[in-house]
């Protein structure tokens, strides 16, 4: 209480301007200390999502508020920031709600009320725009694609067939840093867009990345695309054979002690054959036609009316020599038979289309490491494989790949000592300042140092100066009261010296003790206590503090 009273007296002794300045300085110091403490407790902010449109930003903020996740919005870029330790939790929570949509609304545009008086042209434009957004949203789901935009050019259909124009499309993809799209992924994007728009051909789709590079140039040439497919097929077949050989020999020679390379000669020629065969030994009757004629003339007259026709000629018969001789009777008979037979030789027609990708030849090279033997002393030695072992390995390889000597396949297995693989150097420990706990600890330490500087460098010196000023004013007041004879002198010995020290003047010189008897001094002290007990109590406290 003594220090507080002295501080109050010291503050009261200042001028009004100094009092205001002191209060402002103390308030500023306390505010700085509080700000440093809050800064040390403030979490580190990390980027949640950037480059969002206004709709997505509003939806993301609403979801974060419902999940009680603190957030900030960067004033310059508009990015949404959350505490670093809650980034993944926030993204999972937003992903469960389908946020952010990224490319805006797709077919959701068609769900809105179109309004009264909207033309058919505006309806078609809205549908095309919604289709573009849906395609961009689908392409953005690819792993390497960060963002995509699709532009469709769909001409209006004409009633004239000769004026029909095919639609075209353009796709702009923005990839993540350090990632690319291979030919298969570009082809997938092209066919995805072409399949989503009626009458759109894959060759009419253009794909461009964010750097302006044309990615779909190679897909316009079917021959180039076919060559790429053939190359990938050959590499896949070779890799399959090599992995089969290594899996077969690894249990025998040891893991990582066998290397296999396969070269496959593949014929991608498409061959179509049509074959027609005949079997002359197996003729077949296809059709038969038999015609028989039988006619007989009687004895009556016939022919053109006249004198000669009244007497019919005598009939005849056919002799063995093919001549006609008169018949014995009086009539003429005729008979004929004609047979037509069509024979067909056996014929077979076969149409054969050979598939592309016929394996013509295999060349296989296998290298195995020396065998490792462990002696009784635990020492490891290397020993080459014998010829019988290599022959056994060769037979296994031939059986594994379907060796065919008629194709000219070759298999060679050799033994060689592998060079020891150097052990990877251990990663160096990260420096102290790169460890995750370092900067938060530095932040807390700086905050503590800042608060201590404010307390002991600003506030405590000011309070000490005020206390010293108040104590000096009290001593001056007590000295003045002692000079006026209102305080009793100190007792003999140390108490008297302490009393004289308490009644010291402002210059530090002791005042002379009063020349009165003990009863008079006691009466005077009692009267002083009754008149101003507060001042007497302050003096007694001062004595007690000094006696310590």
Protein backbone atom coordinates (compact mmCIF):
# COMPACT_ATOMS: atom_id res chain seq x y z
CA UNK A 1 0.00 0.00 0.00
CA UNK A 2 2.92 2.26 0.67
CA UNK A 3 4.21 1.88 -2.87
CA UNK A 4 0.74 2.43 -4.31
CA UNK A 5 0.22 5.53 -2.20
CA UNK A 6 3.61 6.90 -3.16
CA UNK A 7 2.84 6.18 -6.84
CA UNK A 8 -0.48 7.99 -6.58
CA UNK A 9 1.17 10.94 -4.87
CA UNK A 10 3.90 10.98 -7.52
CA UNK A 11 1.31 10.92 -10.31
CA UNK A 12 -0.67 13.68 -8.56
CA UNK A 13 2.41 15.82 -8.46
CA UNK A 14 2.76 15.85 -12.27
CA UNK A 15 1.33 18.53 -14.47
CA UNK A 16 -1.92 17.78 -16.35
CA UNK A 17 -0.11 17.47 -19.68
CA UNK A 18 2.38 15.00 -18.25
CA UNK A 19 -0.43 13.05 -16.63
CA UNK A 20 -2.24 12.70 -19.98
CA UNK A 21 0.97 11.72 -21.75
CA UNK A 22 1.77 9.15 -19.09
CA UNK A 23 -1.70 7.61 -19.30
CA UNK A 24 -1.48 7.44 -23.11
CA UNK A 25 1.95 5.81 -22.92
CA UNK A 26 0.80 3.23 -20.39
CA UNK A 27 -2.29 2.44 -22.48
CA UNK A 28 -0.17 2.05 -25.61
CA UNK A 29 2.27 -0.23 -23.78
CA UNK A 30 -0.55 -2.42 -22.48
CA UNK A 31 -2.11 -2.56 -25.97
CA UNK A 32 1.21 -3.60 -27.47
CA UNK A 33 1.60 -6.33 -24.88
CA UNK A 34 -1.91 -7.64 -25.52
CA UNK A 35 -1.34 -7.54 -29.29
CA UNK A 36 1.88 -9.52 -28.95
CA UNK A 37 0.14 -12.11 -26.80
CA UNK A 38 -2.70 -12.46 -29.30
CA UNK A 39 -0.23 -12.67 -32.19
CA UNK A 40 1.57 -15.53 -30.49
CA UNK A 41 -1.71 -17.41 -30.08
CA UNK A 42 -2.96 -16.71 -33.60
CA UNK A 43 -2.89 -19.88 -35.81
CA UNK A 44 -1.02 -20.02 -39.12
CA UNK A 45 -3.38 -19.60 -42.06
CA UNK A 46 -3.19 -21.85 -45.12
CA UNK A 47 -4.87 -21.67 -48.51
CA UNK A 48 -8.10 -23.63 -48.73
CA UNK A 49 -9.25 -22.70 -52.24
CA UNK A 50 -8.23 -19.96 -54.64
CA UNK A 51 -9.57 -18.52 -57.89
CA UNK A 52 -13.19 -19.15 -56.94
CA UNK A 53 -16.04 -17.22 -58.43
CA UNK A 54 -18.45 -15.30 -56.26
CA UNK A 55 -21.04 -18.07 -56.13
CA UNK A 56 -18.56 -20.73 -55.05
CA UNK A 57 -16.96 -18.38 -52.51
CA UNK A 58 -20.33 -17.64 -50.90
CA UNK A 59 -21.22 -21.34 -50.72
CA UNK A 60 -17.82 -22.27 -49.26
CA UNK A 61 -18.04 -19.56 -46.59
CA UNK A 62 -21.55 -20.64 -45.66
CA UNK A 63 -20.40 -24.25 -45.27
CA UNK A 64 -17.42 -23.18 -43.13
CA UNK A 65 -19.68 -21.16 -40.86
CA UNK A 66 -22.01 -24.12 -40.38
CA UNK A 67 -19.01 -26.34 -39.53
CA UNK A 68 -17.65 -23.74 -37.04
CA UNK A 69 -14.34 -23.55 -38.91
CA UNK A 70 -12.63 -20.14 -38.75
CA UNK A 71 -11.75 -18.61 -42.09
CA UNK A 72 -10.28 -15.53 -43.66
CA UNK A 73 -10.57 -14.00 -47.13
CA UNK A 74 -7.46 -12.55 -48.70
CA UNK A 75 -8.14 -8.95 -49.66
CA UNK A 76 -5.90 -9.03 -52.75
CA UNK A 77 -6.64 -12.41 -54.37
CA UNK A 78 -9.98 -13.30 -52.79
CA UNK A 79 -8.66 -16.70 -51.70
CA UNK A 80 -10.25 -18.48 -48.75
CA UNK A 81 -7.83 -19.19 -45.88
CA UNK A 82 -8.32 -21.49 -42.89
CA UNK A 83 -6.02 -22.54 -40.01
CA UNK A 84 -3.22 -24.79 -41.21
CA UNK A 85 -4.19 -27.63 -38.90
CA UNK A 86 -7.76 -27.70 -40.23
CA UNK A 87 -7.20 -27.54 -43.98
CA UNK A 88 -7.82 -31.22 -44.66
CA UNK A 89 -10.84 -31.36 -42.39
CA UNK A 90 -12.36 -28.36 -44.15
CA UNK A 91 -11.74 -29.83 -47.61
CA UNK A 92 -13.33 -33.13 -46.63
CA UNK A 93 -16.35 -31.34 -45.19
CA UNK A 94 -16.76 -29.26 -48.36
CA UNK A 95 -16.23 -32.27 -50.63
CA UNK A 96 -19.06 -34.08 -48.85
CA UNK A 97 -21.33 -31.21 -49.86
CA UNK A 98 -20.03 -31.10 -53.46
CA UNK A 99 -18.17 -27.83 -52.99
CA UNK A 100 -16.68 -26.01 -54.69
CA UNK A 101 -18.27 -26.55 -58.04
CA UNK A 102 -15.26 -24.97 -59.74
CA UNK A 103 -16.70 -24.25 -63.18
CA UNK A 104 -19.92 -22.67 -62.03
CA UNK A 105 -23.32 -24.10 -62.86
CA UNK A 106 -23.92 -26.66 -65.57
CA UNK A 107 -27.33 -28.09 -66.29
CA UNK A 108 -28.45 -26.32 -63.13
CA UNK A 109 -28.97 -23.33 -65.41
CA UNK A 110 -31.89 -25.13 -67.03
CA UNK A 111 -33.58 -25.59 -63.66
CA UNK A 112 -33.98 -21.85 -63.21
CA UNK A 113 -37.12 -20.11 -64.30
CA UNK A 114 -36.51 -18.90 -67.88
CA UNK A 115 -38.89 -16.02 -67.55
CA UNK A 116 -41.69 -14.84 -69.77
CA UNK A 117 -41.02 -14.17 -73.42
CA UNK A 118 -37.69 -16.01 -73.78
CA UNK A 119 -37.02 -16.84 -77.42
CA UNK A 120 -36.03 -20.21 -78.82
CA UNK A 121 -32.61 -18.81 -79.67
CA UNK A 122 -31.94 -17.92 -76.03
CA UNK A 123 -33.07 -21.38 -74.95
CA UNK A 124 -30.60 -22.97 -77.37
CA UNK A 125 -27.82 -20.69 -76.16
CA UNK A 126 -28.50 -21.59 -72.53
CA UNK A 127 -28.49 -25.29 -73.35
CA UNK A 128 -25.20 -25.01 -75.24
CA UNK A 129 -23.62 -23.02 -72.40
CA UNK A 130 -24.81 -25.58 -69.86
CA UNK A 131 -23.36 -28.38 -71.99
CA UNK A 132 -20.02 -26.57 -72.15
CA UNK A 133 -19.93 -26.18 -68.37
CA UNK A 134 -20.80 -29.84 -67.83
CA UNK A 135 -18.05 -30.99 -70.18
CA UNK A 136 -15.54 -28.68 -68.46
CA UNK A 137 -16.58 -30.01 -65.07
CA UNK A 138 -16.13 -33.60 -66.28
CA UNK A 139 -12.69 -32.91 -67.78
CA UNK A 140 -11.61 -31.20 -64.55
CA UNK A 141 -12.09 -34.47 -62.69
CA UNK A 142 -9.01 -35.89 -64.40
CA UNK A 143 -6.06 -36.22 -62.06
CA UNK A 144 -3.64 -33.88 -63.88
CA UNK A 145 -6.21 -31.26 -64.92
CA UNK A 146 -6.74 -28.38 -62.53
CA UNK A 147 -9.27 -26.46 -64.59
CA UNK A 148 -10.84 -26.76 -68.04
CA UNK A 149 -12.94 -24.69 -70.39
CA UNK A 150 -14.90 -25.97 -73.38
CA UNK A 151 -16.14 -23.94 -76.37
CA UNK A 152 -18.63 -25.51 -78.77
CA UNK A 153 -19.38 -24.16 -82.23
CA UNK A 154 -22.65 -25.82 -83.24
CA UNK A 155 -24.05 -24.38 -86.49
CA UNK A 156 -27.75 -24.11 -87.07
CA UNK A 157 -29.22 -26.94 -89.07
CA UNK A 158 -30.34 -26.06 -92.58
CA UNK A 159 -33.13 -27.59 -94.62
CA UNK A 160 -30.71 -27.90 -97.54
CA UNK A 161 -28.59 -31.02 -97.35
CA UNK A 162 -25.68 -29.48 -99.23
CA UNK A 163 -25.37 -26.66 -96.71
CA UNK A 164 -25.01 -28.84 -93.63
CA UNK A 165 -21.97 -27.83 -91.55
CA UNK A 166 -20.35 -30.06 -88.98
CA UNK A 167 -19.87 -28.76 -85.41
CA UNK A 168 -16.43 -28.12 -83.91
CA UNK A 169 -15.12 -27.86 -80.36
CA UNK A 170 -12.15 -26.36 -78.54
CA UNK A 171 -10.89 -27.40 -75.11
CA UNK A 172 -8.46 -25.40 -72.95
CA UNK A 173 -6.99 -27.33 -70.03
CA UNK A 174 -5.02 -25.82 -67.15
CA UNK A 175 -2.68 -28.43 -65.69
CA UNK A 176 -1.14 -28.64 -62.26
CA UNK A 177 2.47 -27.54 -61.92
CA UNK A 178 4.89 -30.21 -63.09
CA UNK A 179 2.25 -32.44 -64.70
CA UNK A 180 1.47 -33.27 -68.32
CA UNK A 181 -1.08 -35.18 -70.36
CA UNK A 182 0.03 -38.19 -72.36
CA UNK A 183 -1.39 -39.12 -75.76
CA UNK A 184 -3.91 -41.53 -74.29
CA UNK A 185 -5.34 -38.89 -71.96
CA UNK A 186 -5.55 -36.31 -74.77
CA UNK A 187 -7.32 -38.88 -76.95
CA UNK A 188 -9.72 -39.58 -74.08
CA UNK A 189 -10.60 -35.89 -73.80
CA UNK A 190 -11.11 -35.64 -77.57
CA UNK A 191 -13.42 -38.64 -77.73
CA UNK A 192 -15.27 -37.53 -74.59
CA UNK A 193 -16.17 -34.21 -76.18
CA UNK A 194 -16.91 -35.77 -79.58
CA UNK A 195 -19.26 -38.32 -78.01
CA UNK A 196 -21.19 -35.64 -76.13
CA UNK A 197 -22.12 -33.52 -79.15
CA UNK A 198 -24.18 -34.92 -82.05
CA UNK A 199 -22.41 -35.10 -85.44
CA UNK A 200 -19.11 -33.98 -83.90
CA UNK A 201 -16.09 -35.85 -85.28
CA UNK A 202 -12.99 -36.44 -83.10
CA UNK A 203 -10.81 -34.73 -85.71
CA UNK A 204 -12.84 -31.54 -85.22
CA UNK A 205 -11.89 -31.27 -81.52
CA UNK A 206 -8.88 -29.14 -80.57
CA UNK A 207 -7.15 -29.44 -77.18
CA UNK A 208 -4.80 -26.69 -75.94
CA UNK A 209 -3.03 -26.33 -72.59
CA UNK A 210 -2.51 -23.18 -70.55
CA UNK A 211 0.85 -22.54 -72.27
CA UNK A 212 -0.72 -22.41 -75.71
CA UNK A 213 0.61 -25.79 -76.87
CA UNK A 214 -1.58 -27.78 -79.23
CA UNK A 215 -2.02 -31.23 -77.69
CA UNK A 216 -4.37 -32.81 -80.24
CA UNK A 217 -2.20 -32.28 -83.36
CA UNK A 218 -1.00 -35.89 -83.54
CA UNK A 219 -4.52 -37.28 -83.24
CA UNK A 220 -5.66 -35.78 -86.51
CA UNK A 221 -3.54 -38.27 -88.47
CA UNK A 222 -4.94 -41.78 -88.18
CA UNK A 223 -1.69 -43.35 -89.36
CA UNK A 224 0.29 -41.69 -86.59
CA UNK A 225 -2.27 -42.72 -83.99
CA UNK A 226 -2.19 -46.28 -85.29
CA UNK A 227 1.61 -46.35 -85.13
CA UNK A 228 1.54 -45.15 -81.54
CA UNK A 229 -0.95 -47.86 -80.64
CA UNK A 230 1.19 -50.51 -82.27
CA UNK A 231 4.29 -49.32 -80.44
CA UNK A 232 2.50 -49.41 -77.10
CA UNK A 233 1.21 -52.89 -77.82
CA UNK A 234 4.72 -54.16 -78.65
CA UNK A 235 6.23 -52.62 -75.52
CA UNK A 236 3.46 -54.07 -73.37
CA UNK A 237 4.00 -57.55 -74.84
CA UNK A 238 7.77 -57.35 -74.27
CA UNK A 239 7.31 -56.11 -70.72
CA UNK A 240 4.89 -58.95 -70.01
CA UNK A 241 7.37 -61.58 -71.21
CA UNK A 242 10.25 -60.00 -69.26
CA UNK A 243 8.22 -59.88 -66.03
CA UNK A 244 7.18 -63.49 -66.53
CA UNK A 245 10.81 -64.58 -66.86
CA UNK A 246 11.96 -62.60 -63.81
CA UNK A 247 9.14 -63.96 -61.65
CA UNK A 248 10.04 -67.48 -62.74
CA UNK A 249 13.79 -67.26 -62.04
CA UNK A 250 13.79 -64.98 -58.98
CA UNK A 251 12.96 -67.79 -56.50
CA UNK A 252 15.87 -69.82 -57.92
CA UNK A 253 18.65 -67.22 -58.14
CA UNK A 254 17.42 -64.68 -55.60
CA UNK A 255 15.35 -61.54 -55.66
CA UNK A 256 16.90 -58.82 -57.79
CA UNK A 257 19.55 -61.17 -59.22
CA UNK A 258 18.04 -61.69 -62.66
CA UNK A 259 17.53 -59.29 -65.55
CA UNK A 260 15.56 -60.13 -68.69
CA UNK A 261 15.02 -58.23 -71.93
CA UNK A 262 12.66 -59.31 -74.69
CA UNK A 263 12.52 -58.04 -78.26
CA UNK A 264 9.32 -58.96 -80.10
CA UNK A 265 8.96 -58.73 -83.86
CA UNK A 266 5.26 -58.23 -84.48
CA UNK A 267 3.52 -58.12 -87.84
CA UNK A 268 0.69 -55.58 -87.84
CA UNK A 269 -0.26 -56.21 -91.48
CA UNK A 270 -3.93 -56.89 -92.07
CA UNK A 271 -4.39 -59.77 -94.54
CA UNK A 272 -7.65 -60.89 -96.15
CA UNK A 273 -7.75 -64.15 -98.18
CA UNK A 274 -10.50 -65.62 -100.34
CA UNK A 275 -9.99 -69.25 -101.46
CA UNK A 276 -12.08 -71.37 -103.87
CA UNK A 277 -11.35 -75.13 -104.13
CA UNK A 278 -12.79 -77.84 -106.42
CA UNK A 279 -13.01 -81.60 -105.91
CA UNK A 280 -13.12 -83.33 -109.31
CA UNK A 281 -13.51 -86.75 -107.72
CA UNK A 282 -16.91 -85.97 -106.25
CA UNK A 283 -19.16 -84.65 -109.03
CA UNK A 284 -22.78 -84.08 -108.20
CA UNK A 285 -25.88 -84.06 -110.39
CA UNK A 286 -27.25 -80.58 -110.24
CA UNK A 287 -30.25 -80.82 -112.66
CA UNK A 288 -31.78 -83.27 -115.19
CA UNK A 289 -34.32 -82.64 -118.00
CA UNK A 290 -35.95 -85.51 -119.98
CA UNK A 291 -38.09 -84.83 -123.13
CA UNK A 292 -39.94 -87.76 -124.92
CA UNK A 293 -42.00 -87.40 -128.16
CA UNK A 294 -44.19 -90.19 -129.66
CA UNK A 295 -46.41 -89.65 -132.78
CA UNK A 296 -48.25 -92.09 -135.24
CA UNK A 297 -49.97 -91.28 -138.62
CA UNK A 298 -53.10 -93.23 -139.75
CA UNK A 299 -54.25 -94.47 -143.32
CA UNK A 300 -56.52 -91.54 -144.04
CA UNK A 301 -55.69 -88.68 -146.42
CA UNK A 302 -53.66 -85.90 -145.14
CA UNK A 303 -51.77 -82.94 -146.38
CA UNK A 304 -52.77 -80.18 -148.78
CA UNK A 305 -55.98 -80.90 -150.61
CA UNK A 306 -55.33 -82.01 -154.16
CA UNK A 307 -55.17 -85.00 -156.45
CA UNK A 308 -52.07 -86.42 -154.88
CA UNK A 309 -53.29 -86.06 -151.37
CA UNK A 310 -56.23 -88.27 -151.90
CA UNK A 311 -53.92 -91.31 -152.00
CA UNK A 312 -51.68 -91.49 -148.96
CA UNK A 313 -48.16 -92.79 -149.38
CA UNK A 314 -47.21 -96.04 -147.94
CA UNK A 315 -45.74 -95.95 -144.45
CA UNK A 316 -42.24 -97.04 -143.52
CA UNK A 317 -40.08 -98.01 -140.58
CA UNK A 318 -36.61 -97.08 -139.54
CA UNK A 319 -34.07 -99.74 -140.27
CA UNK A 320 -30.95 -100.50 -138.19
CA UNK A 321 -28.93 -98.42 -140.57
CA UNK A 322 -31.01 -95.36 -139.90
CA UNK A 323 -32.92 -95.55 -143.26
CA UNK A 324 -36.64 -95.44 -143.64
CA UNK A 325 -38.24 -98.33 -145.48
CA UNK A 326 -41.87 -98.73 -146.34
CA UNK A 327 -43.90 -100.28 -143.61
CA UNK A 328 -45.99 -103.23 -144.11
CA UNK A 329 -49.05 -101.50 -142.86
CA UNK A 330 -50.70 -98.51 -144.22
CA UNK A 331 -49.73 -95.93 -141.35
CA UNK A 332 -46.54 -93.94 -140.19
CA UNK A 333 -45.28 -93.80 -136.47
CA UNK A 334 -42.59 -91.47 -134.96
CA UNK A 335 -40.85 -91.58 -131.52
CA UNK A 336 -38.02 -89.44 -129.98
CA UNK A 337 -36.44 -88.99 -126.50
CA UNK A 338 -34.07 -86.21 -125.29
CA UNK A 339 -32.30 -86.07 -121.91
CA UNK A 340 -30.33 -83.03 -120.53
CA UNK A 341 -28.23 -83.56 -117.37
CA UNK A 342 -26.19 -80.81 -115.61
CA UNK A 343 -23.34 -81.93 -113.33
CA UNK A 344 -21.57 -79.66 -110.71
CA UNK A 345 -18.05 -80.24 -109.44
CA UNK A 346 -17.63 -79.90 -105.62
CA UNK A 347 -16.47 -76.34 -104.79
CA UNK A 348 -15.48 -74.72 -101.46
CA UNK A 349 -15.13 -70.93 -100.96
CA UNK A 350 -13.40 -69.65 -97.76
CA UNK A 351 -12.78 -66.03 -96.72
CA UNK A 352 -10.06 -65.52 -94.11
CA UNK A 353 -9.07 -62.26 -92.39
CA UNK A 354 -5.90 -62.50 -90.36
CA UNK A 355 -5.78 -60.39 -87.20
CA UNK A 356 -3.11 -57.70 -86.92
CA UNK A 357 -0.37 -58.15 -84.37
CA UNK A 358 0.96 -61.57 -85.29
CA UNK A 359 4.12 -62.51 -83.43
CA UNK A 360 6.81 -63.32 -85.95
CA UNK A 361 9.93 -63.66 -83.82
CA UNK A 362 11.14 -63.45 -80.22
CA UNK A 363 14.65 -62.57 -79.09
CA UNK A 364 15.26 -63.08 -75.37
CA UNK A 365 18.37 -62.25 -73.34
CA UNK A 366 18.64 -63.18 -69.67
CA UNK A 367 21.47 -62.38 -67.24
CA UNK A 368 21.68 -64.04 -63.83
CA UNK A 369 23.96 -63.08 -60.98
CA UNK A 370 26.41 -65.42 -59.26
CA UNK A 371 25.06 -67.61 -56.53
CA UNK A 372 25.86 -66.63 -52.95
CA UNK A 373 27.18 -69.24 -50.55
CA UNK A 374 27.47 -68.71 -46.81
CA UNK A 375 30.31 -70.57 -45.09
CA UNK A 376 30.39 -71.95 -41.60
CA UNK A 377 32.15 -68.82 -40.40
CA UNK A 378 29.29 -66.71 -41.79
CA UNK A 379 31.35 -65.33 -44.67
CA UNK A 380 29.46 -64.88 -47.94
CA UNK A 381 31.20 -66.00 -51.16
CA UNK A 382 30.12 -65.75 -54.81
CA UNK A 383 30.26 -68.77 -57.11
CA UNK A 384 29.27 -68.93 -60.82
CA UNK A 385 26.42 -71.14 -61.92
CA UNK A 386 27.28 -74.37 -63.69
CA UNK A 387 26.47 -75.10 -67.33
CA UNK A 388 23.79 -77.56 -66.27
CA UNK A 389 22.09 -74.86 -64.21
CA UNK A 390 22.21 -72.41 -67.11
CA UNK A 391 20.78 -75.05 -69.45
CA UNK A 392 17.99 -75.66 -66.96
CA UNK A 393 17.27 -71.93 -66.77
CA UNK A 394 17.19 -71.78 -70.57
CA UNK A 395 14.62 -74.57 -70.77
CA UNK A 396 12.45 -72.82 -68.20
CA UNK A 397 12.59 -69.58 -70.15
CA UNK A 398 11.65 -71.34 -73.37
CA UNK A 399 8.65 -72.95 -71.73
CA UNK A 400 7.57 -69.67 -70.14
CA UNK A 401 7.51 -67.62 -73.37
CA UNK A 402 6.28 -70.33 -75.76
CA UNK A 403 9.50 -70.81 -77.65
CA UNK A 404 8.99 -71.81 -81.31
CA UNK A 405 12.09 -72.64 -83.35
CA UNK A 406 10.11 -72.45 -86.60
CA UNK A 407 9.70 -68.73 -86.08
CA UNK A 408 13.41 -68.31 -85.49
CA UNK A 409 13.10 -67.51 -81.77
CA UNK A 410 16.35 -67.14 -79.85
CA UNK A 411 16.95 -67.48 -76.12
CA UNK A 412 20.26 -66.83 -74.41
CA UNK A 413 20.92 -67.11 -70.67
CA UNK A 414 24.33 -66.10 -69.34
CA UNK A 415 25.88 -65.82 -65.91
CA UNK A 416 27.69 -62.65 -64.83
CA UNK A 417 28.61 -61.07 -61.54
CA UNK A 418 26.43 -58.06 -60.81
CA UNK A 419 28.02 -54.92 -59.50
CA UNK A 420 26.96 -54.21 -55.94
CA UNK A 421 24.22 -51.68 -55.73
CA UNK A 422 25.39 -48.74 -53.66
CA UNK A 423 23.28 -48.17 -50.62
CA UNK A 424 21.33 -44.97 -50.81
CA UNK A 425 22.77 -42.24 -48.71
CA UNK A 426 20.59 -41.36 -45.76
CA UNK A 427 18.75 -38.15 -46.11
CA UNK A 428 20.36 -35.39 -44.11
CA UNK A 429 18.46 -34.17 -41.14
CA UNK A 430 16.65 -30.98 -41.91
CA UNK A 431 18.10 -27.85 -40.35
CA UNK A 432 16.69 -26.68 -37.10
CA UNK A 433 14.79 -23.82 -38.72
CA UNK A 434 13.04 -26.20 -41.16
CA UNK A 435 11.51 -28.41 -38.51
CA UNK A 436 7.79 -27.97 -37.97
CA UNK A 437 8.02 -27.08 -34.29
CA UNK A 438 10.77 -24.46 -34.66
CA UNK A 439 8.89 -21.42 -35.93
CA UNK A 440 5.90 -21.79 -33.60
CA UNK A 441 8.36 -21.99 -30.70
CA UNK A 442 10.22 -18.92 -31.97
CA UNK A 443 6.92 -17.14 -32.26
CA UNK A 444 6.03 -17.93 -28.66
CA UNK A 445 9.51 -16.92 -27.45
CA UNK A 446 9.38 -13.59 -29.31
CA UNK A 447 5.95 -12.93 -27.86
CA UNK A 448 7.25 -13.64 -24.35
CA UNK A 449 10.26 -11.39 -24.84
CA UNK A 450 8.04 -8.63 -26.18
CA UNK A 451 5.71 -8.82 -23.20
CA UNK A 452 8.65 -8.79 -20.77
CA UNK A 453 10.14 -5.76 -22.51
CA UNK A 454 6.87 -3.92 -22.20
CA UNK A 455 6.48 -4.84 -18.53
CA UNK A 456 10.05 -4.35 -17.32
CA UNK A 457 11.26 -1.83 -19.88
CA UNK A 458 8.34 0.56 -19.93
CA UNK A 459 5.73 0.02 -17.25
CA UNK A 460 8.01 -0.85 -14.31
CA UNK A 461 10.43 2.13 -14.79
CA UNK A 462 7.50 4.50 -15.05
CA UNK A 463 5.91 3.14 -11.89
CA UNK A 464 9.25 3.25 -10.07
CA UNK A 465 9.79 6.89 -11.02
CA UNK A 466 6.31 7.75 -9.85
CA UNK A 467 6.90 5.94 -6.56
CA UNK A 468 10.22 7.73 -6.02
CA UNK A 469 8.63 11.07 -6.77
CA UNK A 470 5.76 10.34 -4.33
CA UNK A 471 8.19 9.21 -1.60
CA UNK A 472 10.25 12.39 -2.01
CA UNK A 473 7.10 14.46 -1.66
CA UNK A 474 6.13 12.54 1.52
CA UNK A 475 9.58 13.02 3.04
CA UNK A 476 9.44 16.70 2.28
CA UNK A 477 6.02 16.95 3.93
CA UNK A 478 7.17 15.02 7.01
CA UNK A 479 10.30 17.11 7.28
CA UNK A 480 8.23 20.25 7.15
CA UNK A 481 5.92 18.89 9.84
CA UNK A 482 8.87 17.94 12.04
CA UNK A 483 10.37 21.38 11.67
CA UNK A 484 7.10 22.85 12.88
CA UNK A 485 7.29 20.67 16.08
CA UNK A 486 4.30 18.53 15.29
CA UNK A 487 6.09 15.14 15.47
CA UNK A 488 7.75 13.49 18.50
CA UNK A 489 11.48 12.98 18.44
CA UNK A 490 12.89 9.51 18.07
CA UNK A 491 13.73 7.40 21.07
CA UNK A 492 17.21 7.07 22.36
CA UNK A 493 19.72 5.06 20.42
CA UNK A 494 18.65 3.52 17.16
CA UNK A 495 14.99 4.58 17.46
CA UNK A 496 16.05 8.24 17.84
CA UNK A 497 18.34 7.95 14.85
CA UNK A 498 15.55 6.32 12.82
CA UNK A 499 13.18 9.13 13.83
CA UNK A 500 15.72 11.74 12.83
CA UNK A 501 16.25 9.97 9.54
CA UNK A 502 12.49 9.94 8.93
CA UNK A 503 12.34 13.66 9.66
CA UNK A 504 15.12 14.43 7.20
CA UNK A 505 14.51 17.38 4.98
CA UNK A 506 14.43 17.43 1.18
CA UNK A 507 18.19 18.02 1.04
CA UNK A 508 18.94 15.00 3.24
CA UNK A 509 20.06 17.04 6.30
CA UNK A 510 18.70 15.97 9.72
CA UNK A 511 16.47 18.42 11.54
CA UNK A 512 17.36 19.37 15.17
CA UNK A 513 15.44 17.47 17.82
CA UNK A 514 12.96 19.55 19.81
CA UNK A 515 14.05 20.78 23.33
CA UNK A 516 11.02 19.57 25.28
CA UNK A 517 10.36 17.06 28.06
CA UNK A 518 9.02 13.62 27.43
CA UNK A 519 5.54 14.44 28.83
CA UNK A 520 5.23 17.48 26.57
CA UNK A 521 6.31 15.52 23.55
CA UNK A 522 3.85 12.73 24.40
CA UNK A 523 1.00 15.20 24.80
CA UNK A 524 1.94 16.90 21.59
CA UNK A 525 2.02 13.55 19.75
CA UNK A 526 -1.39 12.58 21.11
CA UNK A 527 -2.81 15.92 20.01
CA UNK A 528 -1.28 15.42 16.55
CA UNK A 529 -2.85 11.95 16.35
CA UNK A 530 -6.23 13.36 17.15
CA UNK A 531 -5.89 16.21 14.64
CA UNK A 532 -4.42 14.29 11.66
CA UNK A 533 -4.42 10.53 12.31
CA UNK A 534 -3.84 9.76 8.62
CA UNK A 535 -0.56 11.58 8.46
CA UNK A 536 0.63 10.00 11.72
CA UNK A 537 -0.22 6.55 10.45
CA UNK A 538 1.75 7.25 7.29
CA UNK A 539 4.76 8.32 9.35
CA UNK A 540 4.58 5.20 11.49
CA UNK A 541 4.42 3.02 8.37
CA UNK A 542 7.44 4.79 6.99
CA UNK A 543 9.38 4.12 10.21
CA UNK A 544 8.41 0.48 10.13
CA UNK A 545 9.49 0.10 6.54
CA UNK A 546 12.84 1.69 7.22
CA UNK A 547 13.41 -0.45 10.31
CA UNK A 548 12.63 -3.36 8.12
